[in-house]
Structure formats: structure tokens, C-alpha cells
Amino acid sequence: MSHAYNAGTVTGPTTHETSIFTARPTYQAYLVLYAGFAVLPIVAGVDKFCHVLVDWDQYLAPVATRLLPVDGHTFMLAVGVIEVVAGLLVAFRPRIGAYVVMLWLWGIIANLLLVPGFYDIALRDFGLSVGALALARLSAEFDRHHTP
């Protein structure tokens, strides 16, 4: 049951061939993170306009609403646009977009730490930022736009 390596393929005990690249667990992890961090910011961004998932305005810290030159809802609509752009950036340039999403999540975390009762969501978003960092690092190897 040995595997013969030939021209980027693995031939195993079955007759089908699988690319060494796609068979690697690290590449599979990259694909999972890539899909999630491309799609989910877009979904969250679009939902800022329709509030199907949640009323996003509640997550804006009161201190932020006092400092903003626009009302909180208008600001959250701008946040939605930025999230859609960030998701598209991950989709087309994951090596850059993943770092943008990570930094964006840190901004969200800072805001959430100013809102009593949302510390659990801040912790979750920190976990997401770690995932975005992992995607950024994996993109250094797997992003098709990467030049060595």
C-alpha cells in the first residue's frame, strides 16, 4: 500500500489520483478559512442593511455614538459596506484581506469591550481574529496570487 509520488499526484491503493496539493491538510484548512472569511464578512455586512440576523446597532458603544459625526445607524451602514469590501478582498487577495479582517475584528473587539454585557462576543471575535491570522499565514503559501 505504498504511495507513488509522480508529477504532483498521489496514487494510492485506489485507481483515482489526487493532487498532492489538495490532499494536504494544511491546504484543506486554508480552503475552509478562505471560504469562511470571504463569505461571512459579506453576509454580516449585508445584514447591517436588513437586520435579519440581529439589530447590529446595539453593539455600537455609547461612547462611540457620542463621538461620531453621524448617528449610530448610519455608522453601522458604513460598517456594513466595509465588511462587504473586506470579504471581497479576502476572496480576491486573501493574503492581504485576511490581515484586514483581523485588524477589523480587533477594532470590533475594542468597541465591544466598551459595551457592558458583550464581553463574550468580544472573546468570540478574538477567536475569529486568530482564525483570520491563520488564514493570512496560510495564504503566504497557498494564495494563487502569491509570488515567491
C-alpha atoms as a PDB file:
ATOM      1  CA  MET A   1       0.000   0.000   0.000  1.00  0.00           C
ATOM      2  CA  SER A   2       2.774   2.402  -0.771  1.00  0.00           C
ATOM      3  CA  HIS A   3       2.074   5.720  -2.418  1.00  0.00           C
ATOM      4  CA  ALA A   4       3.972   6.657  -5.563  1.00  0.00           C
ATOM      5  CA  TYR A   5       4.674  10.371  -5.941  1.00  0.00           C
ATOM      6  CA  ASN A   6       4.705  11.494  -9.547  1.00  0.00           C
ATOM      7  CA  ALA A   7       4.290  14.940 -11.116  1.00  0.00           C
ATOM      8  CA  GLY A   8       2.193  16.398  -8.319  1.00  0.00           C
ATOM      9  CA  THR A   9      -0.140  13.454  -7.818  1.00  0.00           C
ATOM     10  CA  VAL A  10      -0.558  10.718  -5.278  1.00  0.00           C
ATOM     11  CA  THR A  11      -1.559   7.294  -6.487  1.00  0.00           C
ATOM     12  CA  GLY A  12      -2.900   5.181  -3.687  1.00  0.00           C
ATOM     13  CA  PRO A  13      -4.496   1.785  -3.332  1.00  0.00           C
ATOM     14  CA  THR A  14      -7.456   3.004  -5.388  1.00  0.00           C
ATOM     15  CA  THR A  15      -7.275   3.883  -9.052  1.00  0.00           C
ATOM     16  CA  HIS A  16      -8.072   7.593  -8.716  1.00  0.00           C
ATOM     17  CA  GLU A  17      -5.397  10.226  -8.436  1.00  0.00           C
ATOM     18  CA  THR A  18      -5.458  13.163  -6.042  1.00  0.00           C
ATOM     19  CA  SER A  19      -3.290  16.225  -6.296  1.00  0.00           C
ATOM     20  CA  ILE A  20      -0.655  16.309  -3.551  1.00  0.00           C
ATOM     21  CA  PHE A  21      -1.549  19.967  -3.107  1.00  0.00           C
ATOM     22  CA  THR A  22      -5.256  19.404  -2.428  1.00  0.00           C
ATOM     23  CA  ALA A  23      -4.662  16.291  -0.326  1.00  0.00           C
ATOM     24  CA  ARG A  24      -2.582  18.243   2.214  1.00  0.00           C
ATOM     25  CA  PRO A  25      -4.436  19.004   5.458  1.00  0.00           C
ATOM     26  CA  THR A  26      -2.851  22.462   5.525  1.00  0.00           C
ATOM     27  CA  TYR A  27      -4.329  23.272   2.130  1.00  0.00           C
ATOM     28  CA  GLN A  28      -7.710  21.959   3.229  1.00  0.00           C
ATOM     29  CA  ALA A  29      -7.510  24.188   6.327  1.00  0.00           C
ATOM     30  CA  TYR A  30      -6.638  27.113   4.062  1.00  0.00           C
ATOM     31  CA  LEU A  31      -9.715  26.441   1.922  1.00  0.00           C
ATOM     32  CA  VAL A  32     -12.020  26.259   4.946  1.00  0.00           C
ATOM     33  CA  LEU A  33     -10.684  29.528   6.366  1.00  0.00           C
ATOM     34  CA  TYR A  34     -10.639  31.153   2.929  1.00  0.00           C
ATOM     35  CA  ALA A  35     -14.290  30.327   2.264  1.00  0.00           C
ATOM     36  CA  GLY A  36     -15.404  31.369   5.729  1.00  0.00           C
ATOM     37  CA  PHE A  37     -13.544  34.669   5.837  1.00  0.00           C
ATOM     38  CA  ALA A  38     -14.649  35.554   2.308  1.00  0.00           C
ATOM     39  CA  VAL A  39     -18.345  34.759   2.759  1.00  0.00           C
ATOM     40  CA  LEU A  40     -19.087  35.581   6.404  1.00  0.00           C
ATOM     41  CA  PRO A  41     -17.984  39.242   6.410  1.00  0.00           C
ATOM     42  CA  ILE A  42     -20.113  39.768   3.304  1.00  0.00           C
ATOM     43  CA  VAL A  43     -23.140  38.180   4.989  1.00  0.00           C
ATOM     44  CA  ALA A  44     -22.632  40.247   8.161  1.00  0.00           C
ATOM     45  CA  GLY A  45     -22.094  43.400   6.092  1.00  0.00           C
ATOM     46  CA  VAL A  46     -25.241  42.925   4.028  1.00  0.00           C
ATOM     47  CA  ASP A  47     -27.205  42.158   7.192  1.00  0.00           C
ATOM     48  CA  LYS A  48     -26.307  45.614   8.551  1.00  0.00           C
ATOM     49  CA  PHE A  49     -28.869  46.843   5.999  1.00  0.00           C
ATOM     50  CA  CYS A  50     -31.663  44.321   6.609  1.00  0.00           C
ATOM     51  CA  HIS A  51     -31.239  43.196  10.252  1.00  0.00           C
ATOM     52  CA  VAL A  52     -32.289  39.592   9.616  1.00  0.00           C
ATOM     53  CA  LEU A  53     -29.668  38.119  11.964  1.00  0.00           C
ATOM     54  CA  VAL A  54     -29.670  40.793  14.668  1.00  0.00           C
ATOM     55  CA  ASP A  55     -30.078  44.509  15.283  1.00  0.00           C
ATOM     56  CA  TRP A  56     -26.410  45.371  14.824  1.00  0.00           C
ATOM     57  CA  ASP A  57     -26.836  48.908  16.149  1.00  0.00           C
ATOM     58  CA  GLN A  58     -26.987  47.555  19.701  1.00  0.00           C
ATOM     59  CA  TYR A  59     -23.319  46.573  19.528  1.00  0.00           C
ATOM     60  CA  LEU A  60     -22.079  50.117  18.995  1.00  0.00           C
ATOM     61  CA  ALA A  61     -20.582  51.504  22.203  1.00  0.00           C
ATOM     62  CA  PRO A  62     -22.434  54.532  23.596  1.00  0.00           C
ATOM     63  CA  VAL A  63     -19.166  56.465  23.770  1.00  0.00           C
ATOM     64  CA  ALA A  64     -18.714  55.865  20.041  1.00  0.00           C
ATOM     65  CA  THR A  65     -22.183  57.182  19.237  1.00  0.00           C
ATOM     66  CA  ARG A  66     -21.376  60.378  21.143  1.00  0.00           C
ATOM     67  CA  LEU A  67     -18.100  60.870  19.261  1.00  0.00           C
ATOM     68  CA  LEU A  68     -19.312  60.057  15.749  1.00  0.00           C
ATOM     69  CA  PRO A  69     -20.229  62.854  13.328  1.00  0.00           C
ATOM     70  CA  VAL A  70     -23.212  60.737  12.148  1.00  0.00           C
ATOM     71  CA  ASP A  71     -25.881  58.805  14.013  1.00  0.00           C
ATOM     72  CA  GLY A  72     -25.133  55.244  15.101  1.00  0.00           C
ATOM     73  CA  HIS A  73     -27.312  53.578  12.477  1.00  0.00           C
ATOM     74  CA  THR A  74     -25.654  55.467   9.626  1.00  0.00           C
ATOM     75  CA  PHE A  75     -22.265  54.486  11.006  1.00  0.00           C
ATOM     76  CA  MET A  76     -23.301  50.829  11.155  1.00  0.00           C
ATOM     77  CA  LEU A  77     -24.379  51.011   7.495  1.00  0.00           C
ATOM     78  CA  ALA A  78     -20.862  52.233   6.673  1.00  0.00           C
ATOM     79  CA  VAL A  79     -19.528  49.332   8.745  1.00  0.00           C
ATOM     80  CA  GLY A  80     -21.617  47.003   6.582  1.00  0.00           C
ATOM     81  CA  VAL A  81     -20.074  48.380   3.412  1.00  0.00           C
ATOM     82  CA  ILE A  82     -16.573  47.983   4.858  1.00  0.00           C
ATOM     83  CA  GLU A  83     -17.328  44.378   5.838  1.00  0.00           C
ATOM     84  CA  VAL A  84     -18.538  43.552   2.327  1.00  0.00           C
ATOM     85  CA  VAL A  85     -15.371  45.091   0.882  1.00  0.00           C
ATOM     86  CA  ALA A  86     -13.238  43.151   3.395  1.00  0.00           C
ATOM     87  CA  GLY A  87     -14.929  39.879   2.413  1.00  0.00           C
ATOM     88  CA  LEU A  88     -14.355  40.628  -1.268  1.00  0.00           C
ATOM     89  CA  LEU A  89     -10.737  41.481  -0.521  1.00  0.00           C
ATOM     90  CA  VAL A  90     -10.328  38.078   1.139  1.00  0.00           C
ATOM     91  CA  ALA A  91     -11.991  36.436  -1.869  1.00  0.00           C
ATOM     92  CA  PHE A  92      -9.657  38.071  -4.390  1.00  0.00           C
ATOM     93  CA  ARG A  93      -6.492  38.736  -2.363  1.00  0.00           C
ATOM     94  CA  PRO A  94      -6.618  36.506   0.727  1.00  0.00           C
ATOM     95  CA  ARG A  95      -3.054  37.241   1.742  1.00  0.00           C
ATOM     96  CA  ILE A  96      -3.948  40.926   2.208  1.00  0.00           C
ATOM     97  CA  GLY A  97      -7.644  40.560   3.022  1.00  0.00           C
ATOM     98  CA  ALA A  98      -7.071  38.210   5.938  1.00  0.00           C
ATOM     99  CA  TYR A  99      -4.897  40.791   7.696  1.00  0.00           C
ATOM    100  CA  VAL A 100      -7.528  43.464   7.004  1.00  0.00           C
ATOM    101  CA  VAL A 101     -10.234  41.256   8.546  1.00  0.00           C
ATOM    102  CA  MET A 102      -8.009  40.505  11.538  1.00  0.00           C
ATOM    103  CA  LEU A 103      -7.419  44.207  12.180  1.00  0.00           C
ATOM    104  CA  TRP A 104     -11.085  44.982  11.602  1.00  0.00           C
ATOM    105  CA  LEU A 105     -12.015  42.375  14.207  1.00  0.00           C
ATOM    106  CA  TRP A 106      -9.607  43.996  16.681  1.00  0.00           C
ATOM    107  CA  GLY A 107     -11.481  47.269  16.140  1.00  0.00           C
ATOM    108  CA  ILE A 108     -14.771  45.491  16.790  1.00  0.00           C
ATOM    109  CA  ILE A 109     -13.290  43.922  19.933  1.00  0.00           C
ATOM    110  CA  ALA A 110     -12.168  47.330  21.221  1.00  0.00           C
ATOM    111  CA  ASN A 111     -15.686  48.663  20.655  1.00  0.00           C
ATOM    112  CA  LEU A 112     -17.303  45.641  22.352  1.00  0.00           C
ATOM    113  CA  LEU A 113     -15.084  45.999  25.416  1.00  0.00           C
ATOM    114  CA  LEU A 114     -16.689  49.421  25.899  1.00  0.00           C
ATOM    115  CA  VAL A 115     -20.196  47.911  25.936  1.00  0.00           C
ATOM    116  CA  PRO A 116     -21.111  46.164  29.208  1.00  0.00           C
ATOM    117  CA  GLY A 117     -22.500  42.684  28.644  1.00  0.00           C
ATOM    118  CA  PHE A 118     -20.822  41.937  25.326  1.00  0.00           C
ATOM    119  CA  TYR A 119     -17.528  40.566  26.612  1.00  0.00           C
ATOM    120  CA  ASP A 120     -18.458  37.075  25.397  1.00  0.00           C
ATOM    121  CA  ILE A 121     -18.878  38.382  21.861  1.00  0.00           C
ATOM    122  CA  ALA A 122     -15.538  40.213  22.152  1.00  0.00           C
ATOM    123  CA  LEU A 123     -13.930  36.910  23.140  1.00  0.00           C
ATOM    124  CA  ARG A 124     -15.549  35.149  20.187  1.00  0.00           C
ATOM    125  CA  ASP A 125     -14.326  37.879  17.853  1.00  0.00           C
ATOM    126  CA  PHE A 126     -10.818  37.481  19.258  1.00  0.00           C
ATOM    127  CA  GLY A 127     -11.027  33.802  18.290  1.00  0.00           C
ATOM    128  CA  LEU A 128     -12.153  34.842  14.813  1.00  0.00           C
ATOM    129  CA  SER A 129      -9.201  37.228  14.578  1.00  0.00           C
ATOM    130  CA  VAL A 130      -6.869  34.324  15.366  1.00  0.00           C
ATOM    131  CA  GLY A 131      -8.517  32.388  12.524  1.00  0.00           C
ATOM    132  CA  ALA A 132      -8.022  35.359  10.195  1.00  0.00           C
ATOM    133  CA  LEU A 133      -4.352  35.463  11.200  1.00  0.00           C
ATOM    134  CA  ALA A 134      -4.080  31.732  10.443  1.00  0.00           C
ATOM    135  CA  LEU A 135      -5.619  32.367   7.013  1.00  0.00           C
ATOM    136  CA  ALA A 136      -3.144  35.173   6.375  1.00  0.00           C
ATOM    137  CA  ARG A 137      -0.216  32.920   7.248  1.00  0.00           C
ATOM    138  CA  LEU A 138      -1.561  30.008   5.161  1.00  0.00           C
ATOM    139  CA  SER A 139      -2.153  32.423   2.282  1.00  0.00           C
ATOM    140  CA  ALA A 140       1.575  33.082   2.195  1.00  0.00           C
ATOM    141  CA  GLU A 141       1.901  29.541   0.874  1.00  0.00           C
ATOM    142  CA  PHE A 142      -1.377  28.848  -0.925  1.00  0.00           C
ATOM    143  CA  ASP A 143      -2.671  32.147  -2.338  1.00  0.00           C
ATOM    144  CA  ARG A 144      -2.662  31.790  -6.113  1.00  0.00           C
ATOM    145  CA  HIS A 145      -1.537  35.444  -6.417  1.00  0.00           C
ATOM    146  CA  HIS A 146       1.485  34.759  -4.226  1.00  0.00           C
ATOM    147  CA  THR A 147       4.833  35.238  -5.858  1.00  0.00           C
ATOM    148  CA  PRO A 148       7.722  33.559  -4.057  1.00  0.00           C
END
